[in-house]
Amino acid sequence: MNTKYIIGGCVVAALLLMTPFIGCTRIEPGYTGIKVNLTGSQRGADDLPIVTGWVFYNRLTTQVHSFPTFTQNVIW
């Protein structure tokens, strides 16, 4: 067998095994996000907030929370 096929098959298998652990979320306009590390010596919220866009993270060790940064005024 050709070693290119063996290496390619191993890469594809590794990607398929990692897929359940990769999380992806989208932070909408008007919202901001905070990435929280659950393990390790750097536990807790990251120093920099996540701005609008796609966020990729490890589901086992990280959580992403989003909250609104806008206000709504109601006239009574």
Protein backbone atom coordinates (compact mmCIF):
# COMPACT_ATOMS: atom_id res chain seq x y z
CA MET A 1 0.00 0.00 0.00
CA ASN A 2 0.99 3.54 -0.58
CA THR A 3 1.97 5.45 2.57
CA LYS A 4 0.03 8.53 1.38
CA TYR A 5 -3.24 6.60 1.72
CA ILE A 6 -2.31 5.32 5.17
CA ILE A 7 -1.39 8.81 6.41
CA GLY A 8 -4.50 10.32 4.81
CA GLY A 9 -6.69 7.69 6.42
CA CYS A 10 -5.15 8.36 9.83
CA VAL A 11 -5.75 12.11 9.44
CA VAL A 12 -9.38 11.56 8.46
CA ALA A 13 -9.89 9.16 11.38
CA ALA A 14 -8.35 11.65 13.83
CA LEU A 15 -10.62 14.44 12.57
CA LEU A 16 -13.70 12.24 12.89
CA LEU A 17 -12.76 11.29 16.45
CA MET A 18 -12.21 14.92 17.47
CA THR A 19 -15.49 16.21 15.98
CA PRO A 20 -17.72 15.52 19.04
CA PHE A 21 -15.43 17.62 21.26
CA ILE A 22 -15.33 20.71 19.04
CA GLY A 23 -17.97 23.29 19.87
CA CYS A 24 -19.03 26.15 17.68
CA THR A 25 -21.34 29.04 18.45
CA ARG A 26 -22.14 32.41 16.96
CA ILE A 27 -22.22 35.67 18.89
CA GLU A 28 -24.92 37.85 17.32
CA PRO A 29 -24.63 41.62 16.79
CA GLY A 30 -25.66 43.48 19.94
CA TYR A 31 -24.33 40.69 22.14
CA THR A 32 -20.95 39.94 23.64
CA GLY A 33 -19.55 36.67 24.86
CA ILE A 34 -17.33 35.38 27.62
CA LYS A 35 -15.26 32.23 27.30
CA VAL A 36 -14.94 30.36 30.60
CA ASN A 37 -12.12 27.85 31.09
CA LEU A 38 -13.26 24.98 33.34
CA THR A 39 -9.93 23.23 33.91
CA GLY A 40 -6.25 23.95 34.37
CA SER A 41 -4.37 26.70 36.16
CA GLN A 42 -6.09 29.39 34.04
CA ARG A 43 -9.62 28.52 35.26
CA GLY A 44 -12.25 31.21 35.08
CA ALA A 45 -13.32 33.80 32.55
CA ASP A 46 -10.90 35.01 29.90
CA ASP A 47 -9.65 38.58 30.18
CA LEU A 48 -10.89 39.63 26.75
CA PRO A 49 -14.57 39.42 25.80
CA ILE A 50 -15.61 37.68 22.59
CA VAL A 51 -16.99 40.05 19.99
CA THR A 52 -19.48 39.37 17.22
CA GLY A 53 -18.78 36.32 15.06
CA TRP A 54 -18.12 32.59 15.14
CA VAL A 55 -16.38 31.04 18.16
CA PHE A 56 -14.77 27.59 18.16
CA TYR A 57 -13.96 25.94 21.48
CA ASN A 58 -13.37 22.61 23.21
CA ARG A 59 -16.67 21.43 24.74
CA LEU A 60 -14.98 19.43 27.50
CA THR A 61 -12.87 22.23 28.97
CA THR A 62 -14.59 25.47 27.91
CA GLN A 63 -17.99 27.13 27.95
CA VAL A 64 -19.14 30.21 26.05
CA HIS A 65 -21.82 32.48 27.49
CA SER A 66 -23.38 35.37 25.57
CA PHE A 67 -25.38 38.28 26.94
CA PRO A 68 -26.94 41.42 25.44
CA THR A 69 -25.13 44.75 25.44
CA PHE A 70 -28.05 46.85 24.20
CA THR A 71 -30.83 48.63 26.02
CA GLN A 72 -34.44 49.05 25.03
CA ASN A 73 -36.46 52.10 26.00
CA VAL A 74 -40.22 51.79 26.41
CA ILE A 75 -42.44 54.86 26.54
CA TRP A 76 -45.43 54.40 28.85
